[in-house]
């Protein structure tokens, strides 16, 4: 770790936080950062994921300005091809 790396303490309120996720930091309802998760730690141990109710430490890429009360949303970008018949079929009777 770099000399000025900030490890933020957090509690997972719902879902799962993972190191493969992206993280969006919200402060007072406004987005202040969007980027990668570098590290998740449980006590001194490096972990890959944390479940609801767990406390952890996290390091975010290119962001060290977390404040008390900030909300960190973990999400994943999923690329998929839409299926040809994914939408519900419409009939002439729907008019």
PDB file of N, CA and C in Angstrom:
ATOM      1  N   UNK A   1       0.832  -1.180   0.000  1.00  0.00           N
ATOM      2  CA  UNK A   1       0.000   0.000   0.000  1.00  0.00           C
ATOM      3  C   UNK A   1       0.879   1.247   0.000  1.00  0.00           C
ATOM      4  N   UNK A   2       0.398   2.247  -0.652  1.00  0.00           N
ATOM      5  CA  UNK A   2       1.118   3.520  -0.693  1.00  0.00           C
ATOM      6  C   UNK A   2       1.071   4.198   0.672  1.00  0.00           C
ATOM      7  N   UNK A   3       1.935   5.154   0.864  1.00  0.00           N
ATOM      8  CA  UNK A   3       2.031   5.831   2.154  1.00  0.00           C
ATOM      9  C   UNK A   3       0.756   6.591   2.512  1.00  0.00           C
ATOM     10  N   UNK A   4       0.051   7.154   1.536  1.00  0.00           N
ATOM     11  CA  UNK A   4      -1.136   7.967   1.790  1.00  0.00           C
ATOM     12  C   UNK A   4      -2.439   7.276   1.405  1.00  0.00           C
ATOM     13  N   UNK A   5      -2.462   5.952   1.408  1.00  0.00           N
ATOM     14  CA  UNK A   5      -3.674   5.220   1.086  1.00  0.00           C
ATOM     15  C   UNK A   5      -4.659   5.317   2.243  1.00  0.00           C
ATOM     16  N   UNK A   6      -5.901   5.629   1.917  1.00  0.00           N
ATOM     17  CA  UNK A   6      -6.948   5.748   2.929  1.00  0.00           C
ATOM     18  C   UNK A   6      -7.818   4.498   2.885  1.00  0.00           C
ATOM     19  N   UNK A   7      -7.927   3.834   4.036  1.00  0.00           N
ATOM     20  CA  UNK A   7      -8.804   2.674   4.167  1.00  0.00           C
ATOM     21  C   UNK A   7     -10.052   3.141   4.905  1.00  0.00           C
ATOM     22  N   UNK A   8     -11.192   3.021   4.250  1.00  0.00           N
ATOM     23  CA  UNK A   8     -12.456   3.481   4.840  1.00  0.00           C
ATOM     24  C   UNK A   8     -13.160   2.321   5.520  1.00  0.00           C
ATOM     25  N   UNK A   9     -13.620   2.539   6.733  1.00  0.00           N
ATOM     26  CA  UNK A   9     -14.404   1.538   7.435  1.00  0.00           C
ATOM     27  C   UNK A   9     -15.857   1.641   7.020  1.00  0.00           C
ATOM     28  N   UNK A  10     -16.501   0.479   6.842  1.00  0.00           N
ATOM     29  CA  UNK A  10     -17.880   0.490   6.354  1.00  0.00           C
ATOM     30  C   UNK A  10     -18.640  -0.721   6.872  1.00  0.00           C
ATOM     31  N   UNK A  11     -19.962  -0.637   6.779  1.00  0.00           N
ATOM     32  CA  UNK A  11     -20.845  -1.761   7.087  1.00  0.00           C
ATOM     33  C   UNK A  11     -21.696  -2.015   5.852  1.00  0.00           C
ATOM     34  N   UNK A  12     -21.802  -3.276   5.459  1.00  0.00           N
ATOM     35  CA  UNK A  12     -22.619  -3.654   4.305  1.00  0.00           C
ATOM     36  C   UNK A  12     -24.069  -3.721   4.769  1.00  0.00           C
ATOM     37  N   UNK A  13     -24.897  -2.811   4.251  1.00  0.00           N
ATOM     38  CA  UNK A  13     -26.296  -2.726   4.688  1.00  0.00           C
ATOM     39  C   UNK A  13     -27.204  -3.706   3.957  1.00  0.00           C
ATOM     40  N   UNK A  14     -26.897  -3.965   2.688  1.00  0.00           N
ATOM     41  CA  UNK A  14     -27.691  -4.933   1.934  1.00  0.00           C
ATOM     42  C   UNK A  14     -26.856  -5.468   0.784  1.00  0.00           C
ATOM     43  N   UNK A  15     -27.201  -6.651   0.326  1.00  0.00           N
ATOM     44  CA  UNK A  15     -26.494  -7.243  -0.797  1.00  0.00           C
ATOM     45  C   UNK A  15     -25.101  -7.729  -0.433  1.00  0.00           C
ATOM     46  N   UNK A  16     -24.198  -7.670  -1.420  1.00  0.00           N
ATOM     47  CA  UNK A  16     -22.830  -8.157  -1.271  1.00  0.00           C
ATOM     48  C   UNK A  16     -21.876  -7.134  -1.871  1.00  0.00           C
ATOM     49  N   UNK A  17     -20.803  -6.857  -1.163  1.00  0.00           N
ATOM     50  CA  UNK A  17     -19.731  -6.004  -1.682  1.00  0.00           C
ATOM     51  C   UNK A  17     -18.594  -6.917  -2.132  1.00  0.00           C
ATOM     52  N   UNK A  18     -18.116  -6.738  -3.370  1.00  0.00           N
ATOM     53  CA  UNK A  18     -17.037  -7.587  -3.882  1.00  0.00           C
ATOM     54  C   UNK A  18     -15.917  -6.743  -4.466  1.00  0.00           C
ATOM     55  N   UNK A  19     -14.749  -7.349  -4.572  1.00  0.00           N
ATOM     56  CA  UNK A  19     -13.599  -6.649  -5.145  1.00  0.00           C
ATOM     57  C   UNK A  19     -13.703  -6.547  -6.661  1.00  0.00           C
ATOM     58  N   UNK A  20     -14.565  -7.332  -7.278  1.00  0.00           N
ATOM     59  CA  UNK A  20     -14.743  -7.248  -8.730  1.00  0.00           C
ATOM     60  C   UNK A  20     -15.803  -6.212  -9.108  1.00  0.00           C
ATOM     61  N   UNK A  21     -16.475  -5.664  -8.118  1.00  0.00           N
ATOM     62  CA  UNK A  21     -17.521  -4.664  -8.363  1.00  0.00           C
ATOM     63  C   UNK A  21     -16.922  -3.293  -8.645  1.00  0.00           C
ATOM     64  N   UNK A  22     -17.753  -2.433  -9.169  1.00  0.00           N
ATOM     65  CA  UNK A  22     -17.444  -1.009  -9.250  1.00  0.00           C
ATOM     66  C   UNK A  22     -18.132  -0.345  -8.065  1.00  0.00           C
ATOM     67  N   UNK A  23     -17.650   0.823  -7.667  1.00  0.00           N
ATOM     68  CA  UNK A  23     -18.224   1.501  -6.509  1.00  0.00           C
ATOM     69  C   UNK A  23     -18.592   2.932  -6.859  1.00  0.00           C
ATOM     70  N   UNK A  24     -19.767   3.335  -6.441  1.00  0.00           N
ATOM     71  CA  UNK A  24     -20.241   4.703  -6.632  1.00  0.00           C
ATOM     72  C   UNK A  24     -20.435   5.321  -5.251  1.00  0.00           C
ATOM     73  N   UNK A  25     -19.773   6.441  -4.995  1.00  0.00           N
ATOM     74  CA  UNK A  25     -19.866   7.106  -3.701  1.00  0.00           C
ATOM     75  C   UNK A  25     -20.889   8.230  -3.813  1.00  0.00           C
ATOM     76  N   UNK A  26     -21.887   8.186  -2.933  1.00  0.00           N
ATOM     77  CA  UNK A  26     -22.944   9.188  -2.897  1.00  0.00           C
ATOM     78  C   UNK A  26     -22.822   9.972  -1.596  1.00  0.00           C
ATOM     79  N   UNK A  27     -22.924  11.298  -1.714  1.00  0.00           N
ATOM     80  CA  UNK A  27     -22.871  12.180  -0.549  1.00  0.00           C
ATOM     81  C   UNK A  27     -24.025  13.162  -0.661  1.00  0.00           C
ATOM     82  N   UNK A  28     -24.905  13.149   0.311  1.00  0.00           N
ATOM     83  CA  UNK A  28     -26.084  14.026   0.327  1.00  0.00           C
ATOM     84  C   UNK A  28     -26.885  13.898  -0.966  1.00  0.00           C
ATOM     85  N   UNK A  29     -27.004  12.661  -1.471  1.00  0.00           N
ATOM     86  CA  UNK A  29     -27.795  12.402  -2.664  1.00  0.00           C
ATOM     87  C   UNK A  29     -27.102  12.701  -3.976  1.00  0.00           C
ATOM     88  N   UNK A  30     -25.847  13.138  -3.938  1.00  0.00           N
ATOM     89  CA  UNK A  30     -25.113  13.459  -5.164  1.00  0.00           C
ATOM     90  C   UNK A  30     -23.906  12.538  -5.313  1.00  0.00           C
ATOM     91  N   UNK A  31     -23.643  12.146  -6.540  1.00  0.00           N
ATOM     92  CA  UNK A  31     -22.511  11.277  -6.822  1.00  0.00           C
ATOM     93  C   UNK A  31     -21.205  12.067  -6.752  1.00  0.00           C
ATOM     94  N   UNK A  32     -20.248  11.583  -5.938  1.00  0.00           N
ATOM     95  CA  UNK A  32     -18.961  12.263  -5.824  1.00  0.00           C
ATOM     96  C   UNK A  32     -17.811  11.442  -6.399  1.00  0.00           C
ATOM     97  N   UNK A  33     -18.036  10.146  -6.636  1.00  0.00           N
ATOM     98  CA  UNK A  33     -16.996   9.295  -7.223  1.00  0.00           C
ATOM     99  C   UNK A  33     -17.630   8.060  -7.827  1.00  0.00           C
ATOM    100  N   UNK A  34     -17.002   7.560  -8.874  1.00  0.00           N
ATOM    101  CA  UNK A  34     -17.415   6.324  -9.514  1.00  0.00           C
ATOM    102  C   UNK A  34     -16.150   5.630  -9.987  1.00  0.00           C
ATOM    103  N   UNK A  35     -15.843   4.460  -9.466  1.00  0.00           N
ATOM    104  CA  UNK A  35     -14.602   3.801  -9.856  1.00  0.00           C
ATOM    105  C   UNK A  35     -14.485   2.381  -9.335  1.00  0.00           C
ATOM    106  N   UNK A  36     -13.270   1.851  -9.425  1.00  0.00           N
ATOM    107  CA  UNK A  36     -12.989   0.467  -9.054  1.00  0.00           C
ATOM    108  C   UNK A  36     -12.716   0.325  -7.567  1.00  0.00           C
ATOM    109  N   UNK A  37     -12.982  -0.877  -7.079  1.00  0.00           N
ATOM    110  CA  UNK A  37     -12.636  -1.256  -5.712  1.00  0.00           C
ATOM    111  C   UNK A  37     -11.266  -1.919  -5.773  1.00  0.00           C
ATOM    112  N   UNK A  38     -10.315  -1.400  -5.032  1.00  0.00           N
ATOM    113  CA  UNK A  38      -8.974  -1.985  -5.017  1.00  0.00           C
ATOM    114  C   UNK A  38      -8.880  -3.106  -3.998  1.00  0.00           C
ATOM    115  N   UNK A  39      -9.478  -2.887  -2.818  1.00  0.00           N
ATOM    116  CA  UNK A  39      -9.299  -3.848  -1.734  1.00  0.00           C
ATOM    117  C   UNK A  39     -10.490  -3.850  -0.794  1.00  0.00           C
ATOM    118  N   UNK A  40     -10.828  -5.039  -0.305  1.00  0.00           N
ATOM    119  CA  UNK A  40     -11.789  -5.212   0.784  1.00  0.00           C
ATOM    120  C   UNK A  40     -11.070  -5.995   1.872  1.00  0.00           C
ATOM    121  N   UNK A  41     -11.216  -5.556   3.107  1.00  0.00           N
ATOM    122  CA  UNK A  41     -10.546  -6.235   4.217  1.00  0.00           C
ATOM    123  C   UNK A  41     -11.528  -6.478   5.352  1.00  0.00           C
ATOM    124  N   UNK A  42     -11.364  -7.630   5.968  1.00  0.00           N
ATOM    125  CA  UNK A  42     -12.105  -7.969   7.184  1.00  0.00           C
ATOM    126  C   UNK A  42     -11.049  -8.149   8.259  1.00  0.00           C
ATOM    127  N   UNK A  43     -11.012  -7.223   9.199  1.00  0.00           N
ATOM    128  CA  UNK A  43      -9.910  -7.076  10.141  1.00  0.00           C
ATOM    129  C   UNK A  43      -8.639  -6.863   9.319  1.00  0.00           C
ATOM    130  N   UNK A  44      -7.634  -7.675   9.434  1.00  0.00           N
ATOM    131  CA  UNK A  44      -6.388  -7.495   8.664  1.00  0.00           C
ATOM    132  C   UNK A  44      -6.344  -8.391   7.425  1.00  0.00           C
ATOM    133  N   UNK A  45      -7.360  -9.215   7.250  1.00  0.00           N
ATOM    134  CA  UNK A  45      -7.364 -10.205   6.174  1.00  0.00           C
ATOM    135  C   UNK A  45      -8.009  -9.649   4.897  1.00  0.00           C
ATOM    136  N   UNK A  46      -7.327  -9.817   3.781  1.00  0.00           N
ATOM    137  CA  UNK A  46      -7.861  -9.438   2.468  1.00  0.00           C
ATOM    138  C   UNK A  46      -8.952 -10.438   2.085  1.00  0.00           C
ATOM    139  N   UNK A  47     -10.142  -9.942   1.695  1.00  0.00           N
ATOM    140  CA  UNK A  47     -11.252 -10.811   1.321  1.00  0.00           C
ATOM    141  C   UNK A  47     -11.767 -10.416  -0.060  1.00  0.00           C
ATOM    142  N   UNK A  48     -12.486 -11.322  -0.699  1.00  0.00           N
ATOM    143  CA  UNK A  48     -13.049 -11.048  -2.027  1.00  0.00           C
ATOM    144  C   UNK A  48     -14.454 -10.478  -1.953  1.00  0.00           C
ATOM    145  N   UNK A  49     -15.190 -10.833  -0.898  1.00  0.00           N
ATOM    146  CA  UNK A  49     -16.559 -10.321  -0.782  1.00  0.00           C
ATOM    147  C   UNK A  49     -16.971 -10.235   0.680  1.00  0.00           C
ATOM    148  N   UNK A  50     -17.953  -9.362   0.921  1.00  0.00           N
ATOM    149  CA  UNK A  50     -18.531  -9.186   2.245  1.00  0.00           C
ATOM    150  C   UNK A  50     -20.051  -9.184   2.092  1.00  0.00           C
ATOM    151  N   UNK A  51     -20.735  -9.902   2.986  1.00  0.00           N
ATOM    152  CA  UNK A  51     -22.182 -10.011   2.912  1.00  0.00           C
ATOM    153  C   UNK A  51     -22.874  -8.992   3.813  1.00  0.00           C
ATOM    154  N   UNK A  52     -24.176  -8.896   3.637  1.00  0.00           N
ATOM    155  CA  UNK A  52     -25.017  -7.992   4.425  1.00  0.00           C
ATOM    156  C   UNK A  52     -24.743  -8.162   5.924  1.00  0.00           C
ATOM    157  N   UNK A  53     -24.593  -7.036   6.624  1.00  0.00           N
ATOM    158  CA  UNK A  53     -24.369  -7.050   8.056  1.00  0.00           C
ATOM    159  C   UNK A  53     -22.907  -7.094   8.461  1.00  0.00           C
ATOM    160  N   UNK A  54     -21.991  -7.306   7.507  1.00  0.00           N
ATOM    161  CA  UNK A  54     -20.561  -7.399   7.811  1.00  0.00           C
ATOM    162  C   UNK A  54     -19.923  -6.022   7.846  1.00  0.00           C
ATOM    163  N   UNK A  55     -18.866  -5.897   8.640  1.00  0.00           N
ATOM    164  CA  UNK A  55     -18.076  -4.678   8.655  1.00  0.00           C
ATOM    165  C   UNK A  55     -16.771  -4.954   7.923  1.00  0.00           C
ATOM    166  N   UNK A  56     -16.308  -3.960   7.178  1.00  0.00           N
ATOM    167  CA  UNK A  56     -15.100  -4.165   6.383  1.00  0.00           C
ATOM    168  C   UNK A  56     -14.363  -2.847   6.200  1.00  0.00           C
ATOM    169  N   UNK A  57     -13.150  -2.962   5.704  1.00  0.00           N
ATOM    170  CA  UNK A  57     -12.384  -1.812   5.282  1.00  0.00           C
ATOM    171  C   UNK A  57     -12.272  -1.862   3.778  1.00  0.00           C
ATOM    172  N   UNK A  58     -12.300  -0.722   3.124  1.00  0.00           N
ATOM    173  CA  UNK A  58     -12.227  -0.721   1.663  1.00  0.00           C
ATOM    174  C   UNK A  58     -11.293   0.369   1.179  1.00  0.00           C
ATOM    175  N   UNK A  59     -10.666   0.092   0.042  1.00  0.00           N
ATOM    176  CA  UNK A  59      -9.829   1.076  -0.638  1.00  0.00           C
ATOM    177  C   UNK A  59     -10.391   1.228  -2.040  1.00  0.00           C
ATOM    178  N   UNK A  60     -10.675   2.467  -2.428  1.00  0.00           N
ATOM    179  CA  UNK A  60     -11.202   2.756  -3.758  1.00  0.00           C
ATOM    180  C   UNK A  60     -10.105   3.373  -4.616  1.00  0.00           C
ATOM    181  N   UNK A  61     -10.107   3.045  -5.894  1.00  0.00           N
ATOM    182  CA  UNK A  61      -9.112   3.552  -6.830  1.00  0.00           C
ATOM    183  C   UNK A  61      -9.278   5.051  -7.052  1.00  0.00           C
ATOM    184  N   UNK A  62      -8.204   5.804  -6.898  1.00  0.00           N
ATOM    185  CA  UNK A  62      -8.169   7.255  -7.141  1.00  0.00           C
ATOM    186  C   UNK A  62      -9.174   8.060  -6.327  1.00  0.00           C
ATOM    187  N   UNK A  63      -9.469   7.603  -5.118  1.00  0.00           N
ATOM    188  CA  UNK A  63     -10.396   8.357  -4.274  1.00  0.00           C
ATOM    189  C   UNK A  63     -10.055   8.124  -2.809  1.00  0.00           C
ATOM    190  N   UNK A  64      -9.823   9.197  -2.092  1.00  0.00           N
ATOM    191  CA  UNK A  64      -9.521   9.070  -0.668  1.00  0.00           C
ATOM    192  C   UNK A  64     -10.369  10.036   0.160  1.00  0.00           C
ATOM    193  N   UNK A  65     -11.408  10.598  -0.451  1.00  0.00           N
ATOM    194  CA  UNK A  65     -12.202  11.621   0.221  1.00  0.00           C
ATOM    195  C   UNK A  65     -13.485  11.131   0.840  1.00  0.00           C
ATOM    196  N   UNK A  66     -13.524   9.905   1.354  1.00  0.00           N
ATOM    197  CA  UNK A  66     -14.739   9.423   1.996  1.00  0.00           C
ATOM    198  C   UNK A  66     -14.965  10.138   3.319  1.00  0.00           C
ATOM    199  N   UNK A  67     -16.208  10.545   3.565  1.00  0.00           N
ATOM    200  CA  UNK A  67     -16.592  11.202   4.808  1.00  0.00           C
ATOM    201  C   UNK A  67     -17.611  10.343   5.543  1.00  0.00           C
ATOM    202  N   UNK A  68     -17.745  10.585   6.821  1.00  0.00           N
ATOM    203  CA  UNK A  68     -18.746   9.883   7.611  1.00  0.00           C
ATOM    204  C   UNK A  68     -20.126  10.168   7.020  1.00  0.00           C
ATOM    205  N   UNK A  69     -20.898   9.105   6.824  1.00  0.00           N
ATOM    206  CA  UNK A  69     -22.240   9.257   6.272  1.00  0.00           C
ATOM    207  C   UNK A  69     -22.323   9.050   4.770  1.00  0.00           C
ATOM    208  N   UNK A  70     -21.182   8.927   4.079  1.00  0.00           N
ATOM    209  CA  UNK A  70     -21.206   8.648   2.644  1.00  0.00           C
ATOM    210  C   UNK A  70     -21.799   7.265   2.404  1.00  0.00           C
ATOM    211  N   UNK A  71     -22.475   7.116   1.291  1.00  0.00           N
ATOM    212  CA  UNK A  71     -23.061   5.842   0.899  1.00  0.00           C
ATOM    213  C   UNK A  71     -22.272   5.321  -0.285  1.00  0.00           C
ATOM    214  N   UNK A  72     -21.781   4.076  -0.174  1.00  0.00           N
ATOM    215  CA  UNK A  72     -21.028   3.464  -1.271  1.00  0.00           C
ATOM    216  C   UNK A  72     -21.903   2.378  -1.867  1.00  0.00           C
ATOM    217  N   UNK A  73     -22.230   2.532  -3.144  1.00  0.00           N
ATOM    218  CA  UNK A  73     -23.059   1.559  -3.858  1.00  0.00           C
ATOM    219  C   UNK A  73     -22.145   0.681  -4.707  1.00  0.00           C
ATOM    220  N   UNK A  74     -22.212  -0.617  -4.512  1.00  0.00           N
ATOM    221  CA  UNK A  74     -21.428  -1.560  -5.308  1.00  0.00           C
ATOM    222  C   UNK A  74     -22.308  -2.063  -6.439  1.00  0.00           C
ATOM    223  N   UNK A  75     -21.745  -2.080  -7.646  1.00  0.00           N
ATOM    224  CA  UNK A  75     -22.517  -2.558  -8.792  1.00  0.00           C
ATOM    225  C   UNK A  75     -21.585  -3.207  -9.804  1.00  0.00           C
ATOM    226  N   UNK A  76     -22.164  -3.966 -10.707  1.00  0.00           N
ATOM    227  CA  UNK A  76     -21.406  -4.619 -11.771  1.00  0.00           C
ATOM    228  C   UNK A  76     -21.991  -4.242 -13.111  1.00  0.00           C
ATOM    229  N   UNK A  77     -21.116  -4.022 -14.080  1.00  0.00           N
ATOM    230  CA  UNK A  77     -21.540  -3.775 -15.453  1.00  0.00           C
ATOM    231  C   UNK A  77     -21.612  -5.127 -16.159  1.00  0.00           C
ATOM    232  N   UNK A  78     -22.775  -5.440 -16.696  1.00  0.00           N
ATOM    233  CA  UNK A  78     -22.979  -6.716 -17.363  1.00  0.00           C
ATOM    234  C   UNK A  78     -23.331  -6.438 -18.810  1.00  0.00           C
ATOM    235  N   UNK A  79     -22.567  -7.007 -19.715  1.00  0.00           N
ATOM    236  CA  UNK A  79     -22.898  -6.874 -21.131  1.00  0.00           C
ATOM    237  C   UNK A  79     -23.583  -8.154 -21.576  1.00  0.00           C
ATOM    238  N   UNK A  80     -24.654  -7.966 -22.299  1.00  0.00           N
ATOM    239  CA  UNK A  80     -25.373  -9.126 -22.800  1.00  0.00           C
ATOM    240  C   UNK A  80     -26.036  -8.770 -24.110  1.00  0.00           C
ATOM    241  N   UNK A  81     -26.252  -9.765 -24.911  1.00  0.00           N
ATOM    242  CA  UNK A  81     -26.941  -9.574 -26.174  1.00  0.00           C
ATOM    243  C   UNK A  81     -28.429  -9.772 -25.935  1.00  0.00           C
ATOM    244  N   UNK A  82     -29.253  -8.864 -26.428  1.00  0.00           N
ATOM    245  CA  UNK A  82     -30.689  -9.069 -26.273  1.00  0.00           C
ATOM    246  C   UNK A  82     -31.146 -10.244 -27.134  1.00  0.00           C
ATOM    247  N   UNK A  83     -32.037 -11.046 -26.596  1.00  0.00           N
ATOM    248  CA  UNK A  83     -32.569 -12.181 -27.337  1.00  0.00           C
ATOM    249  C   UNK A  83     -33.581 -11.686 -28.363  1.00  0.00           C
ATOM    250  N   UNK A  84     -33.693 -12.412 -29.439  1.00  0.00           N
ATOM    251  CA  UNK A  84     -34.596 -12.028 -30.515  1.00  0.00           C
ATOM    252  C   UNK A  84     -36.045 -11.967 -30.040  1.00  0.00           C
ATOM    253  N   UNK A  85     -36.441 -12.901 -29.212  1.00  0.00           N
ATOM    254  CA  UNK A  85     -37.834 -12.959 -28.755  1.00  0.00           C
ATOM    255  C   UNK A  85     -37.942 -12.649 -27.263  1.00  0.00           C
ATOM    256  N   UNK A  86     -37.157 -11.723 -26.781  1.00  0.00           N
ATOM    257  CA  UNK A  86     -37.146 -11.402 -25.357  1.00  0.00           C
ATOM    258  C   UNK A  86     -38.408 -10.650 -24.934  1.00  0.00           C
ATOM    259  N   UNK A  87     -38.904  -9.757 -25.754  1.00  0.00           N
ATOM    260  CA  UNK A  87     -40.095  -8.970 -25.412  1.00  0.00           C
ATOM    261  C   UNK A  87     -41.340  -9.833 -25.572  1.00  0.00           C
ATOM    262  N   UNK A  88     -42.370  -9.477 -24.830  1.00  0.00           N
ATOM    263  CA  UNK A  88     -43.625 -10.209 -24.940  1.00  0.00           C
ATOM    264  C   UNK A  88     -44.251  -9.935 -26.299  1.00  0.00           C
ATOM    265  N   UNK A  89     -44.765 -10.955 -26.940  1.00  0.00           N
ATOM    266  CA  UNK A  89     -45.378 -10.752 -28.257  1.00  0.00           C
ATOM    267  C   UNK A  89     -46.663  -9.933 -28.145  1.00  0.00           C
ATOM    268  N   UNK A  90     -46.891  -9.110 -29.141  1.00  0.00           N
ATOM    269  CA  UNK A  90     -48.126  -8.335 -29.187  1.00  0.00           C
ATOM    270  C   UNK A  90     -49.024  -8.946 -30.260  1.00  0.00           C
ATOM    271  N   UNK A  91     -50.290  -8.814 -30.034  1.00  0.00           N
ATOM    272  CA  UNK A  91     -51.258  -9.345 -31.005  1.00  0.00           C
ATOM    273  C   UNK A  91     -52.105  -8.197 -31.530  1.00  0.00           C
ATOM    274  N   UNK A  92     -52.859  -8.459 -32.566  1.00  0.00           N
ATOM    275  CA  UNK A  92     -53.735  -7.444 -33.160  1.00  0.00           C
ATOM    276  C   UNK A  92     -54.838  -7.049 -32.186  1.00  0.00           C
ATOM    277  N   UNK A  93     -55.167  -7.925 -31.214  1.00  0.00           N
ATOM    278  CA  UNK A  93     -56.227  -7.650 -30.246  1.00  0.00           C
ATOM    279  C   UNK A  93     -55.812  -6.629 -29.198  1.00  0.00           C
ATOM    280  N   UNK A  94     -54.493  -6.298 -29.099  1.00  0.00           N
ATOM    281  CA  UNK A  94     -54.004  -5.374 -28.067  1.00  0.00           C
ATOM    282  C   UNK A  94     -54.355  -3.915 -28.373  1.00  0.00           C
ATOM    283  N   UNK A  95     -54.822  -3.603 -29.545  1.00  0.00           N
ATOM    284  CA  UNK A  95     -55.138  -2.219 -29.917  1.00  0.00           C
ATOM    285  C   UNK A  95     -56.250  -1.731 -29.135  1.00  0.00           C
TER     286      UNK A  95
END
